[in-house]
Amino acid sequence: MRAAGVVASVAQVTIYLIVGLPGAGKTTRAKELEISESALRLTPDDWLMAVFHRDHSTQWRSRERVEQRDRIEGKLVEVGMRVAGSGVNVVLDFGFWGKDERSALRSIADSLGVRAEVIY
């Protein structure tokens, strides 16, 4: 494990893509990786709950929030890729149910010269 503040060479950086259904333990695993891999963890649910804190606990997963969730996820991917390109491991705790989505993110990671690892 790297000491805090130590930047790794980009070739050593990993973007972890956390895959699973709701309630499967994705965020628990993402939090473990955040610590063990000195990674930045990006979890859309955390951001949605913070931004829409006045919503009922189920409303931030509602149809009304789909567009906002998509925009938040897009921005988190952008930030995560920029951080990974700077030499920091990243955990994207999104669910990634679609193979196309996982493939696209692996391709982006590859274009940055960083590893992408899918965690089920």
C-alpha atoms as a PDB file:
ATOM      1  CA  MET A   1       0.000   0.000   0.000  1.00  0.00           C
ATOM      2  CA  ARG A   2       1.269   3.486  -0.859  1.00  0.00           C
ATOM      3  CA  ALA A   3       1.664   6.105   1.809  1.00  0.00           C
ATOM      4  CA  ALA A   4      -0.867   8.914   1.673  1.00  0.00           C
ATOM      5  CA  GLY A   5       0.056  11.577  -0.833  1.00  0.00           C
ATOM      6  CA  VAL A   6       2.480   9.372  -2.790  1.00  0.00           C
ATOM      7  CA  VAL A   7       1.673   9.366  -6.486  1.00  0.00           C
ATOM      8  CA  ALA A   8       2.176   6.077  -8.345  1.00  0.00           C
ATOM      9  CA  SER A   9       3.342   5.804 -11.906  1.00  0.00           C
ATOM     10  CA  VAL A  10       0.266   5.722 -14.150  1.00  0.00           C
ATOM     11  CA  ALA A  11       1.183   2.178 -15.261  1.00  0.00           C
ATOM     12  CA  GLN A  12       0.689   1.026 -11.638  1.00  0.00           C
ATOM     13  CA  VAL A  13      -2.710   2.684 -11.243  1.00  0.00           C
ATOM     14  CA  THR A  14      -5.913   0.646 -11.220  1.00  0.00           C
ATOM     15  CA  ILE A  15      -9.500   1.702 -11.767  1.00  0.00           C
ATOM     16  CA  TYR A  16     -11.758  -0.773  -9.978  1.00  0.00           C
ATOM     17  CA  LEU A  17     -15.203  -1.247 -11.514  1.00  0.00           C
ATOM     18  CA  ILE A  18     -17.576  -2.608  -8.867  1.00  0.00           C
ATOM     19  CA  VAL A  19     -20.304  -4.786 -10.417  1.00  0.00           C
ATOM     20  CA  GLY A  20     -23.420  -6.116  -8.715  1.00  0.00           C
ATOM     21  CA  LEU A  21     -27.104  -5.805  -8.001  1.00  0.00           C
ATOM     22  CA  PRO A  22     -28.539  -3.504  -5.326  1.00  0.00           C
ATOM     23  CA  GLY A  23     -27.858  -4.837  -1.849  1.00  0.00           C
ATOM     24  CA  ALA A  24     -25.098  -7.195  -3.023  1.00  0.00           C
ATOM     25  CA  GLY A  25     -22.386  -5.532  -0.910  1.00  0.00           C
ATOM     26  CA  LYS A  26     -20.823  -3.354  -3.625  1.00  0.00           C
ATOM     27  CA  THR A  27     -20.282  -0.335  -1.413  1.00  0.00           C
ATOM     28  CA  THR A  28     -18.899  -2.448   1.424  1.00  0.00           C
ATOM     29  CA  ARG A  29     -16.331  -3.928  -0.991  1.00  0.00           C
ATOM     30  CA  ALA A  30     -15.633  -0.481  -2.479  1.00  0.00           C
ATOM     31  CA  LYS A  31     -14.896   0.902   1.001  1.00  0.00           C
ATOM     32  CA  GLU A  32     -12.480  -1.981   1.640  1.00  0.00           C
ATOM     33  CA  LEU A  33     -10.656  -1.252  -1.628  1.00  0.00           C
ATOM     34  CA  GLU A  34     -10.614   2.462  -0.836  1.00  0.00           C
ATOM     35  CA  ILE A  35      -8.497   1.654   2.214  1.00  0.00           C
ATOM     36  CA  SER A  36      -6.442  -1.330   1.037  1.00  0.00           C
ATOM     37  CA  GLU A  37      -5.539   0.237  -2.329  1.00  0.00           C
ATOM     38  CA  SER A  38      -5.255   3.889  -1.190  1.00  0.00           C
ATOM     39  CA  ALA A  39      -7.959   4.708  -3.721  1.00  0.00           C
ATOM     40  CA  LEU A  40     -10.458   7.454  -4.313  1.00  0.00           C
ATOM     41  CA  ARG A  41     -13.931   5.901  -3.970  1.00  0.00           C
ATOM     42  CA  LEU A  42     -16.679   7.405  -6.103  1.00  0.00           C
ATOM     43  CA  THR A  43     -20.174   6.199  -5.214  1.00  0.00           C
ATOM     44  CA  PRO A  44     -23.095   7.895  -7.021  1.00  0.00           C
ATOM     45  CA  ASP A  45     -25.551   7.041  -4.234  1.00  0.00           C
ATOM     46  CA  ASP A  46     -23.475   9.095  -1.773  1.00  0.00           C
ATOM     47  CA  TRP A  47     -23.610  12.089  -4.108  1.00  0.00           C
ATOM     48  CA  LEU A  48     -27.313  11.712  -4.838  1.00  0.00           C
ATOM     49  CA  MET A  49     -28.134  11.534  -1.136  1.00  0.00           C
ATOM     50  CA  ALA A  50     -26.011  14.618  -0.472  1.00  0.00           C
ATOM     51  CA  VAL A  51     -27.366  16.688  -3.371  1.00  0.00           C
ATOM     52  CA  PHE A  52     -30.995  15.636  -2.933  1.00  0.00           C
ATOM     53  CA  HIS A  53     -30.897  15.364   0.862  1.00  0.00           C
ATOM     54  CA  ARG A  54     -34.451  16.682   1.191  1.00  0.00           C
ATOM     55  CA  ASP A  55     -35.873  13.820  -0.896  1.00  0.00           C
ATOM     56  CA  HIS A  56     -37.536  10.887   0.810  1.00  0.00           C
ATOM     57  CA  SER A  57     -35.036   8.021   1.164  1.00  0.00           C
ATOM     58  CA  THR A  58     -36.450   6.228  -1.904  1.00  0.00           C
ATOM     59  CA  GLN A  59     -36.992   9.279  -4.119  1.00  0.00           C
ATOM     60  CA  TRP A  60     -33.334   9.687  -5.148  1.00  0.00           C
ATOM     61  CA  ARG A  61     -33.651   6.324  -6.942  1.00  0.00           C
ATOM     62  CA  SER A  62     -36.911   7.308  -8.636  1.00  0.00           C
ATOM     63  CA  ARG A  63     -37.657   7.978 -12.311  1.00  0.00           C
ATOM     64  CA  GLU A  64     -37.594  11.700 -11.539  1.00  0.00           C
ATOM     65  CA  ARG A  65     -33.926  11.406 -10.591  1.00  0.00           C
ATOM     66  CA  VAL A  66     -32.717   9.296 -13.558  1.00  0.00           C
ATOM     67  CA  GLU A  67     -31.397  12.288 -15.504  1.00  0.00           C
ATOM     68  CA  GLN A  68     -29.649  13.707 -12.445  1.00  0.00           C
ATOM     69  CA  ARG A  69     -28.143  10.310 -11.640  1.00  0.00           C
ATOM     70  CA  ASP A  70     -26.827   9.986 -15.211  1.00  0.00           C
ATOM     71  CA  ARG A  71     -25.235  13.448 -15.008  1.00  0.00           C
ATOM     72  CA  ILE A  72     -23.697  12.737 -11.610  1.00  0.00           C
ATOM     73  CA  GLU A  73     -22.323   9.381 -12.793  1.00  0.00           C
ATOM     74  CA  GLY A  74     -20.886  11.012 -15.909  1.00  0.00           C
ATOM     75  CA  LYS A  75     -19.113  13.657 -13.850  1.00  0.00           C
ATOM     76  CA  LEU A  76     -17.802  11.043 -11.395  1.00  0.00           C
ATOM     77  CA  VAL A  77     -16.370   9.001 -14.282  1.00  0.00           C
ATOM     78  CA  GLU A  78     -14.726  12.150 -15.657  1.00  0.00           C
ATOM     79  CA  VAL A  79     -13.210  12.980 -12.248  1.00  0.00           C
ATOM     80  CA  GLY A  80     -12.176   9.370 -11.650  1.00  0.00           C
ATOM     81  CA  MET A  81     -10.371   9.100 -14.976  1.00  0.00           C
ATOM     82  CA  ARG A  82      -8.617  12.436 -14.432  1.00  0.00           C
ATOM     83  CA  VAL A  83      -7.492  11.337 -10.958  1.00  0.00           C
ATOM     84  CA  ALA A  84      -6.320   7.948 -12.258  1.00  0.00           C
ATOM     85  CA  GLY A  85      -4.349   9.751 -14.969  1.00  0.00           C
ATOM     86  CA  SER A  86      -2.650  11.663 -12.146  1.00  0.00           C
ATOM     87  CA  GLY A  87      -1.454   8.451 -10.508  1.00  0.00           C
ATOM     88  CA  VAL A  88      -4.154   7.601  -7.947  1.00  0.00           C
ATOM     89  CA  ASN A  89      -6.184   4.374  -7.793  1.00  0.00           C
ATOM     90  CA  VAL A  90      -9.936   4.851  -8.232  1.00  0.00           C
ATOM     91  CA  VAL A  91     -12.929   2.752  -7.185  1.00  0.00           C
ATOM     92  CA  LEU A  92     -16.053   3.335  -9.286  1.00  0.00           C
ATOM     93  CA  ASP A  93     -18.887   1.917  -7.183  1.00  0.00           C
ATOM     94  CA  PHE A  94     -21.663   2.145  -9.790  1.00  0.00           C
ATOM     95  CA  GLY A  95     -23.118  -1.339 -10.319  1.00  0.00           C
ATOM     96  CA  PHE A  96     -22.081  -1.571 -13.988  1.00  0.00           C
ATOM     97  CA  TRP A  97     -24.726  -4.110 -14.963  1.00  0.00           C
ATOM     98  CA  GLY A  98     -24.162  -3.605 -18.688  1.00  0.00           C
ATOM     99  CA  LYS A  99     -21.195  -5.240 -20.368  1.00  0.00           C
ATOM    100  CA  ASP A 100     -21.030  -2.339 -22.860  1.00  0.00           C
ATOM    101  CA  GLU A 101     -20.592   0.137 -20.019  1.00  0.00           C
ATOM    102  CA  ARG A 102     -17.796  -1.929 -18.462  1.00  0.00           C
ATOM    103  CA  SER A 103     -16.101  -2.334 -21.849  1.00  0.00           C
ATOM    104  CA  ALA A 104     -16.264   1.411 -22.530  1.00  0.00           C
ATOM    105  CA  LEU A 105     -14.674   2.237 -19.182  1.00  0.00           C
ATOM    106  CA  ARG A 106     -11.955  -0.385 -19.656  1.00  0.00           C
ATOM    107  CA  SER A 107     -11.220   1.190 -23.041  1.00  0.00           C
ATOM    108  CA  ILE A 108     -10.993   4.683 -21.544  1.00  0.00           C
ATOM    109  CA  ALA A 109      -8.691   3.389 -18.786  1.00  0.00           C
ATOM    110  CA  ASP A 110      -6.527   1.690 -21.408  1.00  0.00           C
ATOM    111  CA  SER A 111      -6.272   4.940 -23.380  1.00  0.00           C
ATOM    112  CA  LEU A 112      -4.935   6.595 -20.203  1.00  0.00           C
ATOM    113  CA  GLY A 113      -2.400   3.822 -19.684  1.00  0.00           C
ATOM    114  CA  VAL A 114      -4.032   2.587 -16.464  1.00  0.00           C
ATOM    115  CA  ARG A 115      -5.406  -0.824 -15.539  1.00  0.00           C
ATOM    116  CA  ALA A 116      -9.103  -1.516 -15.140  1.00  0.00           C
ATOM    117  CA  GLU A 117     -10.197  -4.377 -12.929  1.00  0.00           C
ATOM    118  CA  VAL A 118     -13.776  -5.610 -12.729  1.00  0.00           C
ATOM    119  CA  ILE A 119     -14.837  -6.693  -9.239  1.00  0.00           C
ATOM    120  CA  TYR A 120     -17.993  -8.811  -8.963  1.00  0.00           C
END
